[in-house]
Amino acid sequence: MRAAILALALCGACTPDIVAGAYLCGPEQSCPDGQVCNGPDNICVLPGAALPFECGDKITEVEPNNASTAAQPIPNLACVSPLVQVKGCTPTSDTEDWFVFDVPAQCTATEATIRLSFPLAFEQLSLGLDGTATGTVAACGVNLAPDDGTDVLCLEQAVTAGSKHAVRVARSGVGNCGGECGFNRYTLSLQLGTP
């Protein structure tokens, strides 16, 4: 007992070691002291184990889609559709991606719900529809602040039967580590339904 008390007294303000891999990277690749952000998975690791950012092999986005005129189609949507997801990436050389979808002609009272999720660790992304609507974290009536190292943007927009719409995912210039982490990965989710 006396040895344990002596050890505590000698330790003073001892703190436990933070194990590498125990934390997801925070905004602008932030990690606990002595660790750095690992690019492929956004996990804090020891500096010698860190790898550079990469898009990964799960990307379903198809390049080139860097302008509204070259937008990637999101096919086969019904008036009330299942959730369609696209996994994308905006590496340093790619500042924006465009997607286009059609609302079937037979739809009535239809609403598009679009969500964009991306890691906090890298440059923030923006979400737009038809060049005007901008996604916000307050939309879509759900808790959009998951505690899993991601940000979520969401927008809901009434759409008319037979219309065509363009979705833009773009790097925002915010949270890019002064240009050192100007890239990100994302999941774009789209669903048509009745309001």
N, C-alpha and C. Protein backbone atom coordinates (compact mmCIF):
# COMPACT_ATOMS: atom_id res chain seq x y z
N MET A 1 0.83 -1.19 0.00
CA MET A 1 0.00 0.00 0.00
C MET A 1 0.87 1.25 0.00
N ARG A 2 1.91 1.23 0.87
CA ARG A 2 2.78 2.38 0.98
C ARG A 2 3.51 2.63 -0.36
N ALA A 3 3.88 1.56 -1.09
CA ALA A 3 4.57 1.69 -2.38
C ALA A 3 3.65 2.34 -3.41
N ALA A 4 2.35 1.98 -3.40
CA ALA A 4 1.40 2.56 -4.35
C ALA A 4 1.22 4.05 -4.10
N ILE A 5 1.14 4.43 -2.82
CA ILE A 5 1.00 5.84 -2.48
C ILE A 5 2.26 6.60 -2.89
N LEU A 6 3.44 6.02 -2.65
CA LEU A 6 4.69 6.66 -3.03
C LEU A 6 4.76 6.85 -4.56
N ALA A 7 4.32 5.84 -5.32
CA ALA A 7 4.34 5.93 -6.78
C ALA A 7 3.42 7.05 -7.25
N LEU A 8 2.23 7.16 -6.64
CA LEU A 8 1.30 8.23 -7.02
C LEU A 8 1.89 9.60 -6.68
N ALA A 9 2.53 9.71 -5.54
CA ALA A 9 3.11 10.98 -5.13
C ALA A 9 4.24 11.39 -6.07
N LEU A 10 5.06 10.43 -6.50
CA LEU A 10 6.15 10.73 -7.41
C LEU A 10 5.64 11.09 -8.81
N CYS A 11 4.54 10.49 -9.20
CA CYS A 11 3.99 10.71 -10.53
C CYS A 11 3.49 12.14 -10.68
N GLY A 12 2.88 12.70 -9.66
CA GLY A 12 2.35 14.05 -9.72
C GLY A 12 1.21 14.15 -10.73
N ALA A 13 1.46 14.78 -11.87
CA ALA A 13 0.42 15.01 -12.88
C ALA A 13 0.55 14.03 -14.04
N CYS A 14 0.82 12.77 -13.72
CA CYS A 14 0.94 11.77 -14.79
C CYS A 14 -0.34 11.69 -15.60
N THR A 15 -0.19 11.48 -16.89
CA THR A 15 -1.35 11.26 -17.75
C THR A 15 -1.12 9.97 -18.52
N PRO A 16 -2.20 9.25 -18.80
CA PRO A 16 -2.02 8.00 -19.54
C PRO A 16 -1.61 8.30 -20.98
N ASP A 17 -0.88 7.36 -21.57
CA ASP A 17 -0.53 7.50 -22.97
C ASP A 17 -1.78 7.34 -23.81
N ILE A 18 -1.88 8.14 -24.85
CA ILE A 18 -3.00 8.03 -25.79
C ILE A 18 -2.56 7.08 -26.88
N VAL A 19 -3.24 5.99 -27.00
CA VAL A 19 -2.87 4.94 -27.93
C VAL A 19 -3.18 5.39 -29.35
N ALA A 20 -2.23 5.18 -30.27
CA ALA A 20 -2.44 5.51 -31.67
C ALA A 20 -3.63 4.71 -32.19
N GLY A 21 -4.43 5.33 -33.04
CA GLY A 21 -5.60 4.65 -33.60
C GLY A 21 -6.83 4.76 -32.73
N ALA A 22 -6.72 5.46 -31.58
CA ALA A 22 -7.85 5.57 -30.66
C ALA A 22 -8.76 6.74 -31.01
N TYR A 23 -8.30 7.65 -31.89
CA TYR A 23 -9.06 8.85 -32.21
C TYR A 23 -9.16 9.06 -33.71
N LEU A 24 -10.33 9.54 -34.14
CA LEU A 24 -10.46 10.02 -35.50
C LEU A 24 -9.88 11.43 -35.54
N CYS A 25 -9.31 11.81 -36.66
CA CYS A 25 -8.75 13.15 -36.80
C CYS A 25 -9.85 14.19 -36.68
N GLY A 26 -9.54 15.30 -36.05
CA GLY A 26 -10.47 16.40 -35.94
C GLY A 26 -10.32 17.35 -37.12
N PRO A 27 -10.96 18.51 -37.04
CA PRO A 27 -10.86 19.48 -38.13
C PRO A 27 -9.40 19.83 -38.44
N GLU A 28 -9.11 20.00 -39.71
CA GLU A 28 -7.78 20.34 -40.20
C GLU A 28 -6.73 19.35 -39.69
N GLN A 29 -7.05 18.09 -39.72
CA GLN A 29 -6.16 16.98 -39.38
C GLN A 29 -5.67 17.01 -37.94
N SER A 30 -6.44 17.61 -37.02
CA SER A 30 -5.98 17.71 -35.64
C SER A 30 -6.00 16.34 -34.96
N CYS A 31 -4.99 16.10 -34.12
CA CYS A 31 -4.82 14.85 -33.37
C CYS A 31 -4.21 15.17 -32.01
N PRO A 32 -4.24 14.22 -31.07
CA PRO A 32 -3.58 14.44 -29.78
C PRO A 32 -2.07 14.65 -29.99
N ASP A 33 -1.44 15.28 -29.01
CA ASP A 33 0.01 15.53 -29.08
C ASP A 33 0.75 14.23 -29.38
N GLY A 34 1.71 14.33 -30.28
CA GLY A 34 2.55 13.18 -30.61
C GLY A 34 1.96 12.29 -31.68
N GLN A 35 0.79 12.65 -32.22
CA GLN A 35 0.17 11.86 -33.28
C GLN A 35 -0.17 12.76 -34.46
N VAL A 36 -0.35 12.14 -35.61
CA VAL A 36 -0.70 12.87 -36.83
C VAL A 36 -1.84 12.14 -37.52
N CYS A 37 -2.47 12.82 -38.45
CA CYS A 37 -3.63 12.26 -39.15
C CYS A 37 -3.17 11.36 -40.30
N ASN A 38 -3.73 10.18 -40.36
CA ASN A 38 -3.44 9.23 -41.43
C ASN A 38 -4.40 9.50 -42.59
N GLY A 39 -3.87 9.80 -43.76
CA GLY A 39 -4.68 10.19 -44.91
C GLY A 39 -5.71 9.19 -45.40
N PRO A 40 -5.41 7.90 -45.47
CA PRO A 40 -6.38 6.95 -46.03
C PRO A 40 -7.61 6.69 -45.17
N ASP A 41 -7.50 6.85 -43.83
CA ASP A 41 -8.65 6.48 -42.99
C ASP A 41 -9.01 7.51 -41.92
N ASN A 42 -8.35 8.68 -41.89
CA ASN A 42 -8.66 9.77 -40.97
C ASN A 42 -8.50 9.36 -39.51
N ILE A 43 -7.57 8.50 -39.20
CA ILE A 43 -7.32 8.05 -37.83
C ILE A 43 -5.98 8.61 -37.37
N CYS A 44 -5.91 9.04 -36.12
CA CYS A 44 -4.67 9.56 -35.55
C CYS A 44 -3.69 8.41 -35.30
N VAL A 45 -2.48 8.55 -35.84
CA VAL A 45 -1.46 7.51 -35.72
C VAL A 45 -0.14 8.16 -35.34
N LEU A 46 0.84 7.32 -35.00
CA LEU A 46 2.19 7.83 -34.75
C LEU A 46 2.77 8.35 -36.06
N PRO A 47 3.61 9.39 -36.01
CA PRO A 47 4.11 10.01 -37.24
C PRO A 47 4.75 9.03 -38.23
N GLY A 48 5.45 8.04 -37.75
CA GLY A 48 6.12 7.08 -38.65
C GLY A 48 5.15 6.17 -39.39
N ALA A 49 3.91 6.08 -38.92
CA ALA A 49 2.93 5.20 -39.56
C ALA A 49 1.98 5.94 -40.49
N ALA A 50 2.07 7.25 -40.55
CA ALA A 50 1.13 8.05 -41.34
C ALA A 50 1.38 7.90 -42.83
N LEU A 51 0.29 7.77 -43.58
CA LEU A 51 0.33 7.71 -45.04
C LEU A 51 -0.36 8.94 -45.61
N PRO A 52 -0.03 9.34 -46.84
CA PRO A 52 -0.68 10.50 -47.43
C PRO A 52 -2.15 10.22 -47.77
N PHE A 53 -2.90 11.29 -48.00
CA PHE A 53 -4.30 11.17 -48.39
C PHE A 53 -4.43 10.36 -49.67
N GLU A 54 -5.50 9.55 -49.73
CA GLU A 54 -5.83 8.85 -50.97
C GLU A 54 -7.34 8.70 -51.06
N CYS A 55 -7.83 8.61 -52.27
CA CYS A 55 -9.27 8.47 -52.46
C CYS A 55 -9.78 7.09 -52.05
N GLY A 56 -8.99 6.06 -52.24
CA GLY A 56 -9.40 4.70 -51.88
C GLY A 56 -10.05 3.99 -53.06
N ASP A 57 -10.39 2.74 -52.84
CA ASP A 57 -10.92 1.91 -53.93
C ASP A 57 -12.44 1.76 -53.90
N LYS A 58 -13.12 2.46 -53.02
CA LYS A 58 -14.59 2.34 -52.93
C LYS A 58 -15.31 3.46 -53.66
N ILE A 59 -14.60 4.24 -54.44
CA ILE A 59 -15.17 5.39 -55.14
C ILE A 59 -16.06 4.91 -56.29
N THR A 60 -17.30 5.43 -56.33
CA THR A 60 -18.22 5.10 -57.42
C THR A 60 -18.49 6.31 -58.31
N GLU A 61 -17.94 7.43 -57.96
CA GLU A 61 -18.00 8.62 -58.79
C GLU A 61 -17.20 8.36 -60.07
N VAL A 62 -17.69 8.87 -61.20
CA VAL A 62 -17.03 8.63 -62.48
C VAL A 62 -16.56 9.97 -63.05
N GLU A 63 -15.27 10.09 -63.25
CA GLU A 63 -14.68 11.28 -63.87
C GLU A 63 -14.68 11.11 -65.38
N PRO A 64 -14.70 12.17 -66.18
CA PRO A 64 -14.75 13.55 -65.73
C PRO A 64 -16.18 13.99 -65.43
N ASN A 65 -16.36 14.67 -64.32
CA ASN A 65 -17.67 15.23 -63.94
C ASN A 65 -17.46 16.59 -63.26
N ASN A 66 -16.51 17.35 -63.78
CA ASN A 66 -16.09 18.60 -63.14
C ASN A 66 -16.84 19.83 -63.60
N ALA A 67 -17.91 19.65 -64.37
CA ALA A 67 -18.73 20.78 -64.82
C ALA A 67 -20.16 20.27 -65.00
N SER A 68 -21.10 21.19 -64.96
CA SER A 68 -22.50 20.77 -65.11
C SER A 68 -22.75 20.11 -66.45
N THR A 69 -21.98 20.49 -67.47
CA THR A 69 -22.14 19.90 -68.80
C THR A 69 -21.57 18.48 -68.88
N ALA A 70 -20.77 18.08 -67.90
CA ALA A 70 -20.19 16.74 -67.87
C ALA A 70 -20.66 15.98 -66.63
N ALA A 71 -21.83 16.34 -66.10
CA ALA A 71 -22.32 15.76 -64.84
C ALA A 71 -22.55 14.25 -64.98
N GLN A 72 -22.24 13.54 -63.91
CA GLN A 72 -22.49 12.10 -63.86
C GLN A 72 -23.97 11.85 -63.62
N PRO A 73 -24.64 11.07 -64.47
CA PRO A 73 -26.07 10.80 -64.26
C PRO A 73 -26.31 9.90 -63.05
N ILE A 74 -27.38 10.19 -62.34
CA ILE A 74 -27.88 9.31 -61.29
C ILE A 74 -29.16 8.71 -61.85
N PRO A 75 -29.09 7.47 -62.33
CA PRO A 75 -30.21 6.90 -63.10
C PRO A 75 -31.25 6.21 -62.22
N ASN A 76 -32.35 5.87 -62.87
CA ASN A 76 -33.37 4.95 -62.32
C ASN A 76 -34.03 5.44 -61.04
N LEU A 77 -34.34 6.71 -60.95
CA LEU A 77 -35.07 7.20 -59.79
C LEU A 77 -36.57 7.10 -60.06
N ALA A 78 -37.31 6.66 -59.08
CA ALA A 78 -38.76 6.61 -59.16
C ALA A 78 -39.31 7.79 -58.38
N CYS A 79 -40.63 8.01 -58.47
CA CYS A 79 -41.26 9.13 -57.74
C CYS A 79 -41.02 8.99 -56.24
N VAL A 80 -41.05 7.79 -55.73
CA VAL A 80 -40.64 7.47 -54.37
C VAL A 80 -39.55 6.42 -54.53
N SER A 81 -38.32 6.83 -54.35
CA SER A 81 -37.19 5.98 -54.70
C SER A 81 -36.44 5.50 -53.46
N PRO A 82 -35.74 4.37 -53.59
CA PRO A 82 -34.81 4.00 -52.53
C PRO A 82 -33.64 4.97 -52.53
N LEU A 83 -32.89 4.97 -51.46
CA LEU A 83 -31.72 5.83 -51.33
C LEU A 83 -30.65 5.40 -52.33
N VAL A 84 -30.13 6.37 -53.09
CA VAL A 84 -29.02 6.13 -54.02
C VAL A 84 -27.80 6.82 -53.45
N GLN A 85 -26.67 6.10 -53.39
CA GLN A 85 -25.46 6.70 -52.86
C GLN A 85 -24.33 6.66 -53.88
N VAL A 86 -23.54 7.72 -53.88
CA VAL A 86 -22.33 7.81 -54.70
C VAL A 86 -21.18 8.12 -53.75
N LYS A 87 -20.12 7.33 -53.83
CA LYS A 87 -18.91 7.60 -53.06
C LYS A 87 -17.97 8.37 -53.96
N GLY A 88 -17.54 9.54 -53.50
CA GLY A 88 -16.71 10.39 -54.35
C GLY A 88 -15.48 10.91 -53.64
N CYS A 89 -14.68 11.64 -54.39
CA CYS A 89 -13.42 12.16 -53.86
C CYS A 89 -13.07 13.45 -54.59
N THR A 90 -12.52 14.40 -53.84
CA THR A 90 -12.03 15.64 -54.43
C THR A 90 -10.54 15.76 -54.07
N PRO A 91 -9.68 15.11 -54.85
CA PRO A 91 -8.24 15.25 -54.57
C PRO A 91 -7.78 16.67 -54.88
N THR A 92 -6.53 16.95 -54.64
CA THR A 92 -5.99 18.29 -54.82
C THR A 92 -6.28 18.85 -56.21
N SER A 93 -6.27 17.99 -57.22
CA SER A 93 -6.45 18.44 -58.60
C SER A 93 -7.91 18.56 -59.02
N ASP A 94 -8.86 18.27 -58.13
CA ASP A 94 -10.28 18.24 -58.49
C ASP A 94 -11.07 19.05 -57.48
N THR A 95 -11.56 20.22 -57.88
CA THR A 95 -12.22 21.11 -56.93
C THR A 95 -13.72 20.90 -56.82
N GLU A 96 -14.35 20.22 -57.82
CA GLU A 96 -15.80 20.02 -57.76
C GLU A 96 -16.22 18.83 -58.60
N ASP A 97 -17.37 18.28 -58.23
CA ASP A 97 -17.99 17.17 -58.96
C ASP A 97 -19.46 17.49 -59.16
N TRP A 98 -20.01 17.11 -60.32
CA TRP A 98 -21.40 17.37 -60.65
C TRP A 98 -22.14 16.07 -60.93
N PHE A 99 -23.39 16.05 -60.54
CA PHE A 99 -24.27 14.90 -60.76
C PHE A 99 -25.60 15.43 -61.27
N VAL A 100 -26.29 14.65 -62.09
CA VAL A 100 -27.57 15.09 -62.64
C VAL A 100 -28.60 13.97 -62.48
N PHE A 101 -29.83 14.37 -62.16
CA PHE A 101 -30.91 13.39 -62.05
C PHE A 101 -32.18 13.94 -62.67
N ASP A 102 -33.03 13.03 -63.15
CA ASP A 102 -34.32 13.38 -63.73
C ASP A 102 -35.44 12.96 -62.79
N VAL A 103 -36.46 13.79 -62.70
CA VAL A 103 -37.67 13.44 -61.95
C VAL A 103 -38.64 12.83 -62.96
N PRO A 104 -39.13 11.62 -62.71
CA PRO A 104 -40.04 10.99 -63.67
C PRO A 104 -41.26 11.87 -63.97
N ALA A 105 -41.74 11.79 -65.21
CA ALA A 105 -42.84 12.65 -65.67
C ALA A 105 -44.15 12.39 -64.95
N GLN A 106 -44.35 11.20 -64.41
CA GLN A 106 -45.62 10.86 -63.78
C GLN A 106 -45.68 11.24 -62.29
N CYS A 107 -44.64 11.84 -61.76
CA CYS A 107 -44.61 12.18 -60.33
C CYS A 107 -45.51 13.39 -60.01
N THR A 108 -46.06 13.36 -58.80
CA THR A 108 -46.79 14.52 -58.27
C THR A 108 -46.30 14.78 -56.86
N ALA A 109 -46.21 16.03 -56.48
CA ALA A 109 -45.77 16.43 -55.13
C ALA A 109 -44.51 15.67 -54.72
N THR A 110 -43.43 15.94 -55.42
CA THR A 110 -42.18 15.20 -55.18
C THR A 110 -41.14 16.13 -54.57
N GLU A 111 -40.33 15.56 -53.68
CA GLU A 111 -39.27 16.30 -53.01
C GLU A 111 -37.98 15.50 -53.12
N ALA A 112 -36.88 16.18 -53.44
CA ALA A 112 -35.56 15.56 -53.44
C ALA A 112 -34.90 15.83 -52.10
N THR A 113 -34.38 14.78 -51.48
CA THR A 113 -33.60 14.90 -50.25
C THR A 113 -32.18 14.48 -50.59
N ILE A 114 -31.25 15.41 -50.37
CA ILE A 114 -29.85 15.18 -50.74
C ILE A 114 -28.99 15.40 -49.50
N ARG A 115 -28.14 14.41 -49.21
CA ARG A 115 -27.22 14.52 -48.07
C ARG A 115 -25.80 14.33 -48.56
N LEU A 116 -24.89 15.06 -47.94
CA LEU A 116 -23.47 14.96 -48.25
C LEU A 116 -22.72 14.78 -46.94
N SER A 117 -22.02 13.68 -46.78
CA SER A 117 -21.22 13.47 -45.58
C SER A 117 -19.75 13.35 -45.98
N PHE A 118 -18.87 13.88 -45.12
CA PHE A 118 -17.45 13.90 -45.42
C PHE A 118 -16.66 14.03 -44.12
N PRO A 119 -15.40 13.55 -44.10
CA PRO A 119 -14.58 13.63 -42.90
C PRO A 119 -14.29 15.07 -42.49
N LEU A 120 -14.30 15.32 -41.19
CA LEU A 120 -13.92 16.63 -40.64
C LEU A 120 -12.45 16.95 -40.88
N ALA A 121 -11.65 15.92 -41.05
CA ALA A 121 -10.20 16.08 -41.04
C ALA A 121 -9.66 16.92 -42.19
N PHE A 122 -10.38 16.96 -43.29
CA PHE A 122 -9.86 17.61 -44.49
C PHE A 122 -10.73 18.82 -44.86
N GLU A 123 -10.51 19.40 -46.03
CA GLU A 123 -11.23 20.60 -46.43
C GLU A 123 -12.74 20.37 -46.44
N GLN A 124 -13.48 21.32 -45.89
CA GLN A 124 -14.94 21.23 -45.88
C GLN A 124 -15.48 21.28 -47.31
N LEU A 125 -16.58 20.58 -47.52
CA LEU A 125 -17.23 20.57 -48.83
C LEU A 125 -18.51 21.38 -48.79
N SER A 126 -18.99 21.77 -49.96
CA SER A 126 -20.27 22.46 -50.06
C SER A 126 -21.18 21.65 -50.96
N LEU A 127 -22.48 21.87 -50.80
CA LEU A 127 -23.50 21.12 -51.54
C LEU A 127 -24.45 22.12 -52.17
N GLY A 128 -24.72 21.96 -53.44
CA GLY A 128 -25.63 22.87 -54.13
C GLY A 128 -26.53 22.11 -55.08
N LEU A 129 -27.69 22.69 -55.36
CA LEU A 129 -28.66 22.11 -56.29
C LEU A 129 -29.05 23.18 -57.28
N ASP A 130 -28.87 22.91 -58.57
CA ASP A 130 -29.26 23.82 -59.65
C ASP A 130 -28.63 25.20 -59.51
N GLY A 131 -27.45 25.26 -58.92
CA GLY A 131 -26.72 26.51 -58.83
C GLY A 131 -27.21 27.49 -57.79
N THR A 132 -28.27 27.15 -57.03
CA THR A 132 -28.78 28.12 -56.06
C THR A 132 -28.90 27.56 -54.65
N ALA A 133 -29.51 26.41 -54.49
CA ALA A 133 -29.74 25.87 -53.14
C ALA A 133 -28.41 25.45 -52.52
N THR A 134 -28.26 25.71 -51.25
CA THR A 134 -27.05 25.33 -50.53
C THR A 134 -27.43 24.47 -49.33
N GLY A 135 -26.73 23.39 -49.15
CA GLY A 135 -27.03 22.49 -48.03
C GLY A 135 -26.68 23.12 -46.70
N THR A 136 -27.46 22.83 -45.69
CA THR A 136 -27.18 23.30 -44.34
C THR A 136 -27.36 22.16 -43.37
N VAL A 137 -26.73 22.26 -42.21
CA VAL A 137 -26.84 21.21 -41.22
C VAL A 137 -28.19 21.23 -40.52
N ALA A 138 -29.00 22.25 -40.74
CA ALA A 138 -30.29 22.36 -40.05
C ALA A 138 -31.43 21.73 -40.84
N ALA A 139 -31.17 21.31 -42.06
CA ALA A 139 -32.25 20.81 -42.92
C ALA A 139 -32.52 19.32 -42.70
N CYS A 140 -33.56 18.83 -43.30
CA CYS A 140 -33.91 17.41 -43.38
C CYS A 140 -34.42 16.80 -42.09
N GLY A 141 -34.59 17.57 -41.05
CA GLY A 141 -35.29 17.11 -39.85
C GLY A 141 -34.69 15.93 -39.12
N VAL A 142 -33.38 15.72 -39.22
CA VAL A 142 -32.74 14.64 -38.49
C VAL A 142 -31.50 15.18 -37.80
N ASN A 143 -30.99 14.41 -36.84
CA ASN A 143 -29.75 14.81 -36.17
C ASN A 143 -28.61 14.65 -37.16
N LEU A 144 -28.02 15.76 -37.56
CA LEU A 144 -26.97 15.71 -38.56
C LEU A 144 -25.60 16.01 -37.98
N ALA A 145 -25.41 15.77 -36.71
CA ALA A 145 -24.11 15.99 -36.10
C ALA A 145 -23.62 14.68 -35.48
N PRO A 146 -23.35 13.67 -36.32
CA PRO A 146 -22.90 12.39 -35.78
C PRO A 146 -21.54 12.55 -35.11
N ASP A 147 -21.30 11.74 -34.10
CA ASP A 147 -20.04 11.79 -33.38
C ASP A 147 -19.09 10.75 -33.97
N ASP A 148 -18.91 10.80 -35.28
CA ASP A 148 -18.07 9.79 -35.93
C ASP A 148 -17.01 10.42 -36.83
N GLY A 149 -16.65 11.67 -36.55
CA GLY A 149 -15.61 12.32 -37.32
C GLY A 149 -16.05 12.83 -38.67
N THR A 150 -17.37 12.96 -38.88
CA THR A 150 -17.86 13.45 -40.16
C THR A 150 -18.72 14.69 -39.99
N ASP A 151 -18.81 15.45 -41.07
CA ASP A 151 -19.76 16.55 -41.19
C ASP A 151 -20.84 16.09 -42.15
N VAL A 152 -22.05 16.59 -41.98
CA VAL A 152 -23.15 16.25 -42.88
C VAL A 152 -23.86 17.52 -43.30
N LEU A 153 -24.03 17.70 -44.60
CA LEU A 153 -24.84 18.77 -45.16
C LEU A 153 -26.08 18.13 -45.77
N CYS A 154 -27.18 18.85 -45.75
CA CYS A 154 -28.42 18.28 -46.23
C CYS A 154 -29.30 19.36 -46.82
N LEU A 155 -30.02 19.00 -47.85
CA LEU A 155 -31.02 19.93 -48.36
C LEU A 155 -32.22 19.15 -48.86
N GLU A 156 -33.36 19.77 -48.76
CA GLU A 156 -34.61 19.24 -49.28
C GLU A 156 -35.16 20.27 -50.25
N GLN A 157 -35.60 19.81 -51.42
CA GLN A 157 -36.07 20.73 -52.44
C GLN A 157 -37.26 20.11 -53.16
N ALA A 158 -38.35 20.87 -53.24
CA ALA A 158 -39.49 20.42 -54.05
C ALA A 158 -39.06 20.42 -55.51
N VAL A 159 -39.42 19.35 -56.23
CA VAL A 159 -39.07 19.23 -57.65
C VAL A 159 -40.33 18.90 -58.44
N THR A 160 -40.35 19.30 -59.69
CA THR A 160 -41.55 19.10 -60.51
C THR A 160 -41.38 17.91 -61.44
N ALA A 161 -42.49 17.30 -61.80
CA ALA A 161 -42.49 16.14 -62.69
C ALA A 161 -41.81 16.48 -64.00
N GLY A 162 -40.98 15.57 -64.48
CA GLY A 162 -40.31 15.74 -65.76
C GLY A 162 -39.14 16.71 -65.75
N SER A 163 -38.73 17.17 -64.59
CA SER A 163 -37.63 18.15 -64.52
C SER A 163 -36.28 17.45 -64.38
N LYS A 164 -35.23 18.18 -64.72
CA LYS A 164 -33.85 17.71 -64.60
C LYS A 164 -33.13 18.62 -63.62
N HIS A 165 -32.29 18.04 -62.76
CA HIS A 165 -31.61 18.82 -61.73
C HIS A 165 -30.14 18.44 -61.64
N ALA A 166 -29.30 19.44 -61.34
CA ALA A 166 -27.86 19.24 -61.21
C ALA A 166 -27.43 19.46 -59.76
N VAL A 167 -26.68 18.51 -59.23
CA VAL A 167 -26.15 18.58 -57.87
C VAL A 167 -24.65 18.85 -57.98
N ARG A 168 -24.19 19.82 -57.20
CA ARG A 168 -22.76 20.18 -57.21
C ARG A 168 -22.15 19.92 -55.83
N VAL A 169 -21.07 19.15 -55.81
CA VAL A 169 -20.26 18.94 -54.61
C VAL A 169 -18.94 19.63 -54.87
N ALA A 170 -18.54 20.56 -53.99
CA ALA A 170 -17.33 21.34 -54.24
C ALA A 170 -16.54 21.56 -52.96
N ARG A 171 -15.23 21.69 -53.12
CA ARG A 171 -14.40 22.08 -52.00
C ARG A 171 -14.69 23.54 -51.69
N SER A 172 -14.76 23.87 -50.40
CA SER A 172 -15.20 25.20 -49.98
C SER A 172 -14.07 26.19 -49.73
N GLY A 173 -12.84 25.70 -49.56
CA GLY A 173 -11.74 26.58 -49.19
C GLY A 173 -11.63 26.78 -47.69
N VAL A 174 -12.55 26.18 -46.92
CA VAL A 174 -12.55 26.31 -45.45
C VAL A 174 -11.97 25.03 -44.84
N GLY A 175 -11.13 25.21 -43.84
CA GLY A 175 -10.58 24.06 -43.13
C GLY A 175 -9.61 23.24 -43.96
N ASN A 176 -8.82 23.90 -44.81
CA ASN A 176 -7.92 23.17 -45.69
C ASN A 176 -6.47 23.18 -45.21
N CYS A 177 -6.25 23.44 -43.92
CA CYS A 177 -4.92 23.42 -43.30
C CYS A 177 -3.97 24.38 -44.02
N GLY A 178 -4.47 25.55 -44.42
CA GLY A 178 -3.64 26.48 -45.16
C GLY A 178 -3.19 25.94 -46.51
N GLY A 179 -4.01 25.07 -47.09
CA GLY A 179 -3.70 24.46 -48.38
C GLY A 179 -3.06 23.10 -48.28
N GLU A 180 -2.66 22.70 -47.07
CA GLU A 180 -1.98 21.41 -46.89
C GLU A 180 -2.93 20.21 -46.87
N CYS A 181 -4.22 20.44 -46.61
CA CYS A 181 -5.18 19.32 -46.66
C CYS A 181 -6.38 19.72 -47.52
N GLY A 182 -6.08 20.29 -48.70
CA GLY A 182 -7.10 20.72 -49.64
C GLY A 182 -7.60 19.58 -50.49
N PHE A 183 -8.32 18.65 -49.87
CA PHE A 183 -8.88 17.47 -50.52
C PHE A 183 -9.88 16.85 -49.57
N ASN A 184 -10.69 15.92 -50.04
CA ASN A 184 -11.61 15.20 -49.16
C ASN A 184 -12.27 14.04 -49.91
N ARG A 185 -12.87 13.14 -49.17
CA ARG A 185 -13.72 12.06 -49.67
C ARG A 185 -15.14 12.35 -49.21
N TYR A 186 -16.15 11.80 -49.89
CA TYR A 186 -17.52 12.07 -49.49
C TYR A 186 -18.46 10.96 -49.91
N THR A 187 -19.63 10.97 -49.28
CA THR A 187 -20.76 10.13 -49.70
C THR A 187 -21.92 11.06 -50.00
N LEU A 188 -22.40 11.02 -51.24
CA LEU A 188 -23.55 11.78 -51.66
C LEU A 188 -24.75 10.83 -51.70
N SER A 189 -25.82 11.18 -50.98
CA SER A 189 -27.04 10.36 -50.94
C SER A 189 -28.18 11.15 -51.51
N LEU A 190 -29.00 10.51 -52.34
CA LEU A 190 -30.11 11.17 -52.99
C LEU A 190 -31.33 10.27 -52.94
N GLN A 191 -32.48 10.87 -52.66
CA GLN A 191 -33.73 10.11 -52.59
C GLN A 191 -34.88 11.02 -53.00
N LEU A 192 -35.77 10.49 -53.82
CA LEU A 192 -37.01 11.22 -54.14
C LEU A 192 -38.13 10.64 -53.29
N GLY A 193 -39.07 11.50 -52.90
CA GLY A 193 -40.19 11.05 -52.10
C GLY A 193 -41.28 12.10 -52.07
N THR A 194 -42.30 11.84 -51.29
CA THR A 194 -43.39 12.80 -51.14
C THR A 194 -43.14 13.60 -49.88
N PRO A 195 -43.40 14.93 -49.91
CA PRO A 195 -43.13 15.76 -48.73
C PRO A 195 -44.07 15.45 -47.59
